[in-house]
């Protein structure tokens, strides 16, 4: 081969070959370090919604026996609800009647008056109907601190103290049903898996010779649980 041609070939291609060799050697040195480990961090997100439910809803109440319209008497009834929630700040349960007065005669148009308290907006510690006929309720909670303040007592007055004398059927702090919602339970935490129980007690008294219209009386009542 002509010596000039060889020199020209080497002068043109030798730098290219040299550079390629350097790049190849660099790859051999660096490649193992790159392949040791690689990270790709990410997150998984799941939202759990807050809910409240009546684990055990209130059952219909049949008061304890007939009351004579002339001879009078007192009857009692009760129902329980169990509320379950996963909400960390708890819930409030309210009660309200569908009509005023709450107790309405089914057939003859009579009514039973709502209970009259001695002080406005404060339940009576002791049930008292001096004359006439009245219907009211009281509330108790399995966890005393869940009870709305007006139904707590100091063993002599309501809306004060921290006792729940209605527990065990002692039935303190009587109030009137209303078409406006009244708070009965105000819980500030989530419940255990078994829920939280509250009991609503009802009482109706007819004093002698007050003579309400003979009828079957019904109070349609709604309990509502709302997240706080």
Protein backbone atom coordinates (compact mmCIF):
# COMPACT_ATOMS: atom_id res chain seq x y z
CA UNK A 1 0.00 0.00 0.00
CA UNK A 2 1.21 3.48 -0.73
CA UNK A 3 2.90 4.94 2.35
CA UNK A 4 1.17 8.32 1.90
CA UNK A 5 -2.27 6.65 1.88
CA UNK A 6 -1.51 4.77 5.12
CA UNK A 7 -0.34 7.93 6.84
CA UNK A 8 -3.45 9.78 5.73
CA UNK A 9 -5.73 6.96 7.00
CA UNK A 10 -4.06 6.91 10.40
CA UNK A 11 -4.10 10.68 10.73
CA UNK A 12 -7.84 10.77 10.08
CA UNK A 13 -9.15 7.78 12.03
CA UNK A 14 -6.73 7.30 14.86
CA UNK A 15 -8.28 10.10 17.03
CA UNK A 16 -11.72 8.57 16.53
CA UNK A 17 -10.58 5.12 17.51
CA UNK A 18 -8.74 6.52 20.47
CA UNK A 19 -11.74 8.45 21.71
CA UNK A 20 -14.00 5.40 21.35
CA UNK A 21 -11.56 3.30 23.31
CA UNK A 22 -11.50 5.88 26.12
CA UNK A 23 -15.33 5.97 26.24
CA UNK A 24 -15.52 2.17 26.35
CA UNK A 25 -13.03 1.97 29.20
CA UNK A 26 -14.92 4.68 31.10
CA UNK A 27 -18.18 2.69 30.74
CA UNK A 28 -16.50 -0.46 32.04
CA UNK A 29 -15.29 1.42 35.09
CA UNK A 30 -18.56 3.29 35.86
CA UNK A 31 -21.21 0.74 34.87
CA UNK A 32 -20.90 -1.55 37.92
CA UNK A 33 -21.50 1.42 40.28
CA UNK A 34 -24.70 2.39 38.45
CA UNK A 35 -26.18 -1.12 38.56
CA UNK A 36 -25.73 -1.79 42.32
CA UNK A 37 -29.12 -0.25 43.38
CA UNK A 38 -31.87 2.03 42.21
CA UNK A 39 -34.79 3.56 44.17
CA UNK A 40 -38.29 4.56 43.16
CA UNK A 41 -40.24 5.78 46.21
CA UNK A 42 -44.02 6.28 46.08
CA UNK A 43 -47.07 6.38 48.41
CA UNK A 44 -50.40 4.57 48.60
CA UNK A 45 -53.34 6.64 49.88
CA UNK A 46 -56.70 5.38 51.12
CA UNK A 47 -59.44 7.58 52.59
CA UNK A 48 -61.71 6.12 55.30
CA UNK A 49 -64.87 8.19 55.52
CA UNK A 50 -66.54 9.21 58.79
CA UNK A 51 -69.88 7.54 59.39
CA UNK A 52 -72.49 7.23 62.12
CA UNK A 53 -75.17 4.57 62.38
CA UNK A 54 -77.83 3.20 64.71
CA UNK A 55 -76.33 -0.21 65.42
CA UNK A 56 -79.55 -0.96 67.30
CA UNK A 57 -82.44 1.36 66.38
CA UNK A 58 -85.16 2.36 68.82
CA UNK A 59 -88.12 0.01 68.99
CA UNK A 60 -91.77 1.10 69.24
CA UNK A 61 -92.97 1.64 72.79
CA UNK A 62 -96.19 0.37 74.32
CA UNK A 63 -96.80 2.06 77.64
CA UNK A 64 -97.38 -0.14 80.69
CA UNK A 65 -101.12 -0.72 80.68
CA UNK A 66 -104.32 1.26 80.20
CA UNK A 67 -105.12 4.27 82.36
CA UNK A 68 -108.69 4.92 83.45
CA UNK A 69 -109.93 8.27 82.20
CA UNK A 70 -111.70 8.96 85.54
CA UNK A 71 -109.66 7.00 88.06
CA UNK A 72 -106.35 8.10 86.53
CA UNK A 73 -102.91 6.60 86.98
CA UNK A 74 -99.36 6.61 85.62
CA UNK A 75 -97.82 4.44 82.92
CA UNK A 76 -94.21 4.02 81.84
CA UNK A 77 -92.29 2.84 78.80
CA UNK A 78 -88.76 2.89 77.43
CA UNK A 79 -86.65 2.21 74.38
CA UNK A 80 -82.92 1.88 73.75
CA UNK A 81 -80.63 2.82 70.88
CA UNK A 82 -77.01 1.85 70.22
CA UNK A 83 -75.01 4.31 68.14
CA UNK A 84 -71.77 3.40 66.35
CA UNK A 85 -69.32 5.88 64.83
CA UNK A 86 -65.67 6.00 63.77
CA UNK A 87 -65.60 9.80 63.91
CA UNK A 88 -62.96 11.05 66.36
CA UNK A 89 -65.04 13.97 67.67
CA UNK A 90 -68.19 11.92 68.17
CA UNK A 91 -71.83 12.72 67.50
CA UNK A 92 -74.99 14.33 68.87
CA UNK A 93 -78.36 12.60 69.17
CA UNK A 94 -81.50 14.70 69.15
CA UNK A 95 -85.13 13.82 69.78
CA UNK A 96 -88.24 15.53 68.47
CA UNK A 97 -91.95 14.90 68.13
CA UNK A 98 -93.88 15.08 64.87
CA UNK A 99 -96.74 17.05 66.41
CA UNK A 100 -97.55 19.40 69.26
CA UNK A 101 -98.66 18.14 71.70
CA UNK A 102 -96.68 14.98 71.00
CA UNK A 103 -99.46 12.60 72.08
CA UNK A 104 -102.33 12.68 69.59
CA UNK A 105 -105.54 10.63 69.70
CA UNK A 106 -105.78 8.20 66.79
CA UNK A 107 -109.56 8.30 66.36
CA UNK A 108 -111.33 10.98 68.43
CA UNK A 109 -109.03 13.97 68.02
CA UNK A 110 -107.99 14.21 71.66
CA UNK A 111 -104.51 15.15 72.83
CA UNK A 112 -102.36 14.59 75.92
CA UNK A 113 -100.51 17.70 77.06
CA UNK A 114 -96.72 17.79 76.92
CA UNK A 115 -95.04 17.67 80.30
CA UNK A 116 -94.78 21.03 82.07
CA UNK A 117 -91.50 21.73 83.85
CA UNK A 118 -91.18 24.01 86.87
CA UNK A 119 -88.41 26.03 85.18
CA UNK A 120 -88.38 26.85 81.49
CA UNK A 121 -85.93 24.76 79.41
CA UNK A 122 -84.72 22.77 82.44
CA UNK A 123 -85.96 19.23 83.15
CA UNK A 124 -87.64 18.49 86.49
CA UNK A 125 -85.58 16.25 88.74
CA UNK A 126 -88.81 14.67 90.04
CA UNK A 127 -91.82 13.88 87.87
CA UNK A 128 -94.87 15.85 88.98
CA UNK A 129 -98.32 16.31 87.45
CA UNK A 130 -100.51 18.06 90.06
CA UNK A 131 -103.61 17.97 87.86
CA UNK A 132 -104.71 17.07 84.35
CA UNK A 133 -102.79 14.67 82.11
CA UNK A 134 -99.29 15.02 80.74
CA UNK A 135 -96.68 13.03 78.81
CA UNK A 136 -92.88 13.44 79.06
CA UNK A 137 -89.54 11.70 78.82
CA UNK A 138 -86.12 11.31 80.42
CA UNK A 139 -82.78 10.11 79.03
CA UNK A 140 -79.97 7.94 80.37
CA UNK A 141 -76.61 6.98 78.86
CA UNK A 142 -74.39 3.92 79.34
CA UNK A 143 -71.47 6.38 79.47
CA UNK A 144 -72.57 9.17 81.81
CA UNK A 145 -70.37 11.81 80.20
CA UNK A 146 -72.24 11.28 76.90
CA UNK A 147 -75.45 12.70 78.36
CA UNK A 148 -76.47 16.21 77.27
CA UNK A 149 -75.91 18.64 80.13
CA UNK A 150 -79.58 19.35 80.79
CA UNK A 151 -80.15 15.67 81.63
CA UNK A 152 -77.21 15.51 84.04
CA UNK A 153 -77.91 16.17 87.71
CA UNK A 154 -76.41 16.65 91.15
CA UNK A 155 -78.88 14.15 92.69
CA UNK A 156 -81.34 16.94 93.43
CA UNK A 157 -81.47 19.27 90.39
CA UNK A 158 -81.05 18.85 86.65
CA UNK A 159 -78.87 20.76 84.20
CA UNK A 160 -76.15 20.82 86.84
CA UNK A 161 -73.59 18.38 88.21
CA UNK A 162 -72.32 15.27 86.45
CA UNK A 163 -74.55 12.43 87.70
CA UNK A 164 -76.97 10.34 85.66
CA UNK A 165 -79.56 9.40 88.26
CA UNK A 166 -81.79 7.95 85.54
CA UNK A 167 -79.42 5.00 85.29
CA UNK A 168 -80.98 1.94 86.85
CA UNK A 169 -84.53 3.14 86.30
CA UNK A 170 -84.52 5.89 88.91
CA UNK A 171 -85.85 8.22 86.24
CA UNK A 172 -84.67 11.71 87.11
CA UNK A 173 -84.74 14.79 84.87
CA UNK A 174 -88.09 14.77 83.08
CA UNK A 175 -88.75 16.93 80.07
CA UNK A 176 -91.36 17.56 77.37
CA UNK A 177 -91.15 16.36 73.79
CA UNK A 178 -91.17 19.16 71.25
CA UNK A 179 -91.34 19.60 67.49
CA UNK A 180 -87.97 21.33 67.87
CA UNK A 181 -85.00 18.97 68.20
CA UNK A 182 -83.61 18.57 71.73
CA UNK A 183 -80.11 17.19 72.29
CA UNK A 184 -80.06 14.04 74.40
CA UNK A 185 -76.57 12.62 73.79
CA UNK A 186 -73.45 14.68 73.04
CA UNK A 187 -70.47 12.34 72.71
CA UNK A 188 -67.03 13.83 72.01
CA UNK A 189 -65.17 10.68 70.85
CA UNK A 190 -65.65 7.74 68.54
CA UNK A 191 -67.42 4.70 70.01
CA UNK A 192 -66.02 1.24 70.66
CA UNK A 193 -66.95 -1.47 68.17
CA UNK A 194 -69.92 -2.40 70.35
CA UNK A 195 -71.31 1.15 70.09
CA UNK A 196 -72.70 3.41 72.82
CA UNK A 197 -76.12 2.82 74.37
CA UNK A 198 -78.70 5.36 75.49
CA UNK A 199 -82.16 4.80 76.93
CA UNK A 200 -85.20 7.03 76.58
CA UNK A 201 -87.82 6.68 79.33
CA UNK A 202 -91.41 7.82 78.81
CA UNK A 203 -94.07 8.57 81.40
CA UNK A 204 -97.73 9.56 81.21
CA UNK A 205 -99.90 10.58 84.14
CA UNK A 206 -103.65 11.13 84.28
CA UNK A 207 -104.87 12.62 87.55
CA UNK A 208 -108.25 11.43 88.93
CA UNK A 209 -111.33 12.90 87.26
CA UNK A 210 -109.33 14.88 84.69
CA UNK A 211 -111.16 12.85 82.04
CA UNK A 212 -109.11 12.95 78.83
CA UNK A 213 -111.04 11.85 75.73
CA UNK A 214 -111.12 8.06 75.56
CA UNK A 215 -108.88 7.10 72.63
CA UNK A 216 -105.63 5.39 71.65
CA UNK A 217 -102.90 8.04 71.83
CA UNK A 218 -99.69 7.93 69.81
CA UNK A 219 -96.58 10.13 69.87
CA UNK A 220 -94.54 9.81 66.67
CA UNK A 221 -90.97 10.54 67.66
CA UNK A 222 -87.67 10.82 65.77
CA UNK A 223 -84.13 10.31 67.01
CA UNK A 224 -81.35 11.78 64.83
CA UNK A 225 -77.62 11.11 65.19
CA UNK A 226 -75.34 13.73 63.60
CA UNK A 227 -71.53 13.82 63.48
CA UNK A 228 -70.04 16.65 65.55
